[in-house]
Amino acid sequence: VNALITPPSSLNGPDAFMDIHSLWLKTQEIWDMLDQHPW
Protein backbone atom coordinates (compact mmCIF):
# COMPACT_ATOMS: atom_id res chain seq x y z
CA VAL A 1 0.00 0.00 0.00
CA ASN A 2 1.43 3.35 -1.03
CA ALA A 3 1.38 5.83 1.84
CA LEU A 4 0.90 8.75 -0.53
CA ILE A 5 -2.21 7.25 -2.11
CA THR A 6 -5.13 6.70 0.27
CA PRO A 7 -8.19 5.04 -1.28
CA PRO A 8 -11.60 6.28 -0.07
CA SER A 9 -12.25 2.86 1.48
CA SER A 10 -9.46 3.46 4.00
CA LEU A 11 -11.33 6.48 5.39
CA ASN A 12 -13.77 4.10 7.08
CA GLY A 13 -11.09 1.63 8.17
CA PRO A 14 -8.59 1.47 11.04
CA ASP A 15 -6.05 3.35 8.91
CA ALA A 16 -8.15 6.50 9.22
CA PHE A 17 -8.22 6.06 13.00
CA MET A 18 -4.44 5.67 13.07
CA ASP A 19 -4.08 8.83 10.99
CA ILE A 20 -6.31 10.72 13.42
CA HIS A 21 -4.43 9.24 16.37
CA SER A 22 -1.03 10.18 14.94
CA LEU A 23 -2.35 13.65 14.11
CA TRP A 24 -3.58 13.97 17.71
CA LEU A 25 -0.15 12.93 19.02
CA LYS A 26 1.46 15.52 16.76
CA THR A 27 -0.81 18.26 18.08
CA GLN A 28 0.04 17.20 21.63
CA GLU A 29 3.75 17.47 20.80
CA ILE A 30 3.17 20.94 19.33
CA TRP A 31 1.31 22.04 22.46
CA ASP A 32 4.15 20.70 24.61
CA MET A 33 6.63 22.69 22.53
CA LEU A 34 4.50 25.82 22.88
CA ASP A 35 4.27 25.31 26.64
CA GLN A 36 8.06 25.12 26.88
CA HIS A 37 8.43 28.50 25.16
CA PRO A 38 9.02 31.44 27.56
CA TRP A 39 6.30 33.64 26.13
PDB file of N, CA and C in Angstrom:
ATOM      1  N   VAL A   1       0.849  -1.202   0.000  1.00  0.00           N
ATOM      2  CA  VAL A   1       0.000   0.000   0.000  1.00  0.00           C
ATOM      3  C   VAL A   1       0.881   1.247   0.000  1.00  0.00           C
ATOM      4  N   ASN A   2       0.656   2.113  -0.950  1.00  0.00           N
ATOM      5  CA  ASN A   2       1.433   3.346  -1.026  1.00  0.00           C
ATOM      6  C   ASN A   2       0.907   4.351  -0.007  1.00  0.00           C
ATOM      7  N   ALA A   3       1.796   4.915   0.786  1.00  0.00           N
ATOM      8  CA  ALA A   3       1.376   5.829   1.843  1.00  0.00           C
ATOM      9  C   ALA A   3       0.856   7.146   1.266  1.00  0.00           C
ATOM     10  N   LEU A   4       1.307   7.481   0.059  1.00  0.00           N
ATOM     11  CA  LEU A   4       0.896   8.751  -0.531  1.00  0.00           C
ATOM     12  C   LEU A   4      -0.486   8.655  -1.155  1.00  0.00           C
ATOM     13  N   ILE A   5      -0.906   7.429  -1.474  1.00  0.00           N
ATOM     14  CA  ILE A   5      -2.213   7.246  -2.107  1.00  0.00           C
ATOM     15  C   ILE A   5      -3.154   6.551  -1.129  1.00  0.00           C
ATOM     16  N   THR A   6      -4.183   7.280  -0.675  1.00  0.00           N
ATOM     17  CA  THR A   6      -5.130   6.698   0.271  1.00  0.00           C
ATOM     18  C   THR A   6      -6.476   6.523  -0.406  1.00  0.00           C
ATOM     19  N   PRO A   7      -6.888   5.301  -0.662  1.00  0.00           N
ATOM     20  CA  PRO A   7      -8.189   5.039  -1.277  1.00  0.00           C
ATOM     21  C   PRO A   7      -9.321   5.450  -0.337  1.00  0.00           C
ATOM     22  N   PRO A   8     -10.463   5.848  -0.891  1.00  0.00           N
ATOM     23  CA  PRO A   8     -11.603   6.281  -0.067  1.00  0.00           C
ATOM     24  C   PRO A   8     -12.042   5.213   0.929  1.00  0.00           C
ATOM     25  N   SER A   9     -11.813   3.933   0.592  1.00  0.00           N
ATOM     26  CA  SER A   9     -12.249   2.860   1.480  1.00  0.00           C
ATOM     27  C   SER A   9     -11.487   2.893   2.804  1.00  0.00           C
ATOM     28  N   SER A  10     -10.270   3.440   2.785  1.00  0.00           N
ATOM     29  CA  SER A  10      -9.460   3.462   4.003  1.00  0.00           C
ATOM     30  C   SER A  10      -9.975   4.512   4.990  1.00  0.00           C
ATOM     31  N   LEU A  11     -10.809   5.438   4.509  1.00  0.00           N
ATOM     32  CA  LEU A  11     -11.332   6.478   5.391  1.00  0.00           C
ATOM     33  C   LEU A  11     -12.244   5.883   6.453  1.00  0.00           C
ATOM     34  N   ASN A  12     -12.860   4.739   6.132  1.00  0.00           N
ATOM     35  CA  ASN A  12     -13.774   4.095   7.076  1.00  0.00           C
ATOM     36  C   ASN A  12     -13.091   2.965   7.834  1.00  0.00           C
ATOM     37  N   GLY A  13     -11.807   2.740   7.558  1.00  0.00           N
ATOM     38  CA  GLY A  13     -11.095   1.631   8.171  1.00  0.00           C
ATOM     39  C   GLY A  13     -10.228   2.080   9.330  1.00  0.00           C
ATOM     40  N   PRO A  14      -9.471   1.161   9.902  1.00  0.00           N
ATOM     41  CA  PRO A  14      -8.594   1.466  11.036  1.00  0.00           C
ATOM     42  C   PRO A  14      -7.463   2.402  10.644  1.00  0.00           C
ATOM     43  N   ASP A  15      -7.127   2.457   9.346  1.00  0.00           N
ATOM     44  CA  ASP A  15      -6.051   3.353   8.911  1.00  0.00           C
ATOM     45  C   ASP A  15      -6.426   4.805   9.187  1.00  0.00           C
ATOM     46  N   ALA A  16      -7.693   5.131   8.974  1.00  0.00           N
ATOM     47  CA  ALA A  16      -8.146   6.496   9.223  1.00  0.00           C
ATOM     48  C   ALA A  16      -8.018   6.822  10.707  1.00  0.00           C
ATOM     49  N   PHE A  17      -8.337   5.853  11.562  1.00  0.00           N
ATOM     50  CA  PHE A  17      -8.221   6.062  13.002  1.00  0.00           C
ATOM     51  C   PHE A  17      -6.764   6.283  13.383  1.00  0.00           C
ATOM     52  N   MET A  18      -5.860   5.516  12.774  1.00  0.00           N
ATOM     53  CA  MET A  18      -4.439   5.667  13.069  1.00  0.00           C
ATOM     54  C   MET A  18      -3.956   7.034  12.611  1.00  0.00           C
ATOM     55  N   ASP A  19      -4.471   7.508  11.479  1.00  0.00           N
ATOM     56  CA  ASP A  19      -4.080   8.833  10.994  1.00  0.00           C
ATOM     57  C   ASP A  19      -4.544   9.905  11.973  1.00  0.00           C
ATOM     58  N   ILE A  20      -5.780   9.759  12.458  1.00  0.00           N
ATOM     59  CA  ILE A  20      -6.310  10.723  13.424  1.00  0.00           C
ATOM     60  C   ILE A  20      -5.520  10.649  14.727  1.00  0.00           C
ATOM     61  N   HIS A  21      -5.178   9.428  15.132  1.00  0.00           N
ATOM     62  CA  HIS A  21      -4.435   9.244  16.373  1.00  0.00           C
ATOM     63  C   HIS A  21      -3.047   9.863  16.261  1.00  0.00           C
ATOM     64  N   SER A  22      -2.370   9.619  15.135  1.00  0.00           N
ATOM     65  CA  SER A  22      -1.029  10.176  14.938  1.00  0.00           C
ATOM     66  C   SER A  22      -1.113  11.695  14.853  1.00  0.00           C
ATOM     67  N   LEU A  23      -2.171  12.199  14.206  1.00  0.00           N
ATOM     68  CA  LEU A  23      -2.348  13.646  14.115  1.00  0.00           C
ATOM     69  C   LEU A  23      -2.571  14.236  15.501  1.00  0.00           C
ATOM     70  N   TRP A  24      -3.332  13.528  16.338  1.00  0.00           N
ATOM     71  CA  TRP A  24      -3.580  13.967  17.707  1.00  0.00           C
ATOM     72  C   TRP A  24      -2.274  14.008  18.496  1.00  0.00           C
ATOM     73  N   LEU A  25      -1.433  12.964  18.316  1.00  0.00           N
ATOM     74  CA  LEU A  25      -0.155  12.930  19.017  1.00  0.00           C
ATOM     75  C   LEU A  25       0.723  14.086  18.565  1.00  0.00           C
ATOM     76  N   LYS A  26       0.658  14.411  17.275  1.00  0.00           N
ATOM     77  CA  LYS A  26       1.465  15.521  16.757  1.00  0.00           C
ATOM     78  C   LYS A  26       1.004  16.841  17.360  1.00  0.00           C
ATOM     79  N   THR A  27      -0.305  17.022  17.487  1.00  0.00           N
ATOM     80  CA  THR A  27      -0.810  18.255  18.080  1.00  0.00           C
ATOM     81  C   THR A  27      -0.393  18.342  19.544  1.00  0.00           C
ATOM     82  N   GLN A  28      -0.390  17.217  20.237  1.00  0.00           N
ATOM     83  CA  GLN A  28       0.042  17.204  21.634  1.00  0.00           C
ATOM     84  C   GLN A  28       1.511  17.613  21.735  1.00  0.00           C
ATOM     85  N   GLU A  29       2.338  17.113  20.796  1.00  0.00           N
ATOM     86  CA  GLU A  29       3.754  17.472  20.802  1.00  0.00           C
ATOM     87  C   GLU A  29       3.922  18.963  20.538  1.00  0.00           C
ATOM     88  N   ILE A  30       3.096  19.505  19.636  1.00  0.00           N
ATOM     89  CA  ILE A  30       3.169  20.939  19.329  1.00  0.00           C
ATOM     90  C   ILE A  30       2.782  21.758  20.553  1.00  0.00           C
ATOM     91  N   TRP A  31       1.733  21.328  21.259  1.00  0.00           N
ATOM     92  CA  TRP A  31       1.308  22.044  22.456  1.00  0.00           C
ATOM     93  C   TRP A  31       2.392  21.991  23.526  1.00  0.00           C
ATOM     94  N   ASP A  32       3.066  20.827  23.631  1.00  0.00           N
ATOM     95  CA  ASP A  32       4.149  20.702  24.607  1.00  0.00           C
ATOM     96  C   ASP A  32       5.277  21.663  24.256  1.00  0.00           C
ATOM     97  N   MET A  33       5.581  21.774  22.962  1.00  0.00           N
ATOM     98  CA  MET A  33       6.634  22.688  22.525  1.00  0.00           C
ATOM     99  C   MET A  33       6.246  24.130  22.833  1.00  0.00           C
ATOM    100  N   LEU A  34       4.965  24.457  22.617  1.00  0.00           N
ATOM    101  CA  LEU A  34       4.502  25.821  22.880  1.00  0.00           C
ATOM    102  C   LEU A  34       4.550  26.121  24.373  1.00  0.00           C
ATOM    103  N   ASP A  35       4.246  25.112  25.190  1.00  0.00           N
ATOM    104  CA  ASP A  35       4.269  25.314  26.641  1.00  0.00           C
ATOM    105  C   ASP A  35       5.686  25.561  27.131  1.00  0.00           C
ATOM    106  N   GLN A  36       6.669  24.970  26.453  1.00  0.00           N
ATOM    107  CA  GLN A  36       8.058  25.119  26.884  1.00  0.00           C
ATOM    108  C   GLN A  36       8.629  26.479  26.485  1.00  0.00           C
ATOM    109  N   HIS A  37       7.930  27.188  25.586  1.00  0.00           N
ATOM    110  CA  HIS A  37       8.431  28.500  25.163  1.00  0.00           C
ATOM    111  C   HIS A  37       8.189  29.537  26.259  1.00  0.00           C
ATOM    112  N   PRO A  38       9.179  30.357  26.562  1.00  0.00           N
ATOM    113  CA  PRO A  38       9.017  31.441  27.557  1.00  0.00           C
ATOM    114  C   PRO A  38       8.305  32.634  26.938  1.00  0.00           C
ATOM    115  N   TRP A  39       7.014  32.544  26.772  1.00  0.00           N
ATOM    116  CA  TRP A  39       6.295  33.638  26.126  1.00  0.00           C
ATOM    117  C   TRP A  39       6.306  34.872  27.015  1.00  0.00           C
TER     118      TRP A  39
END
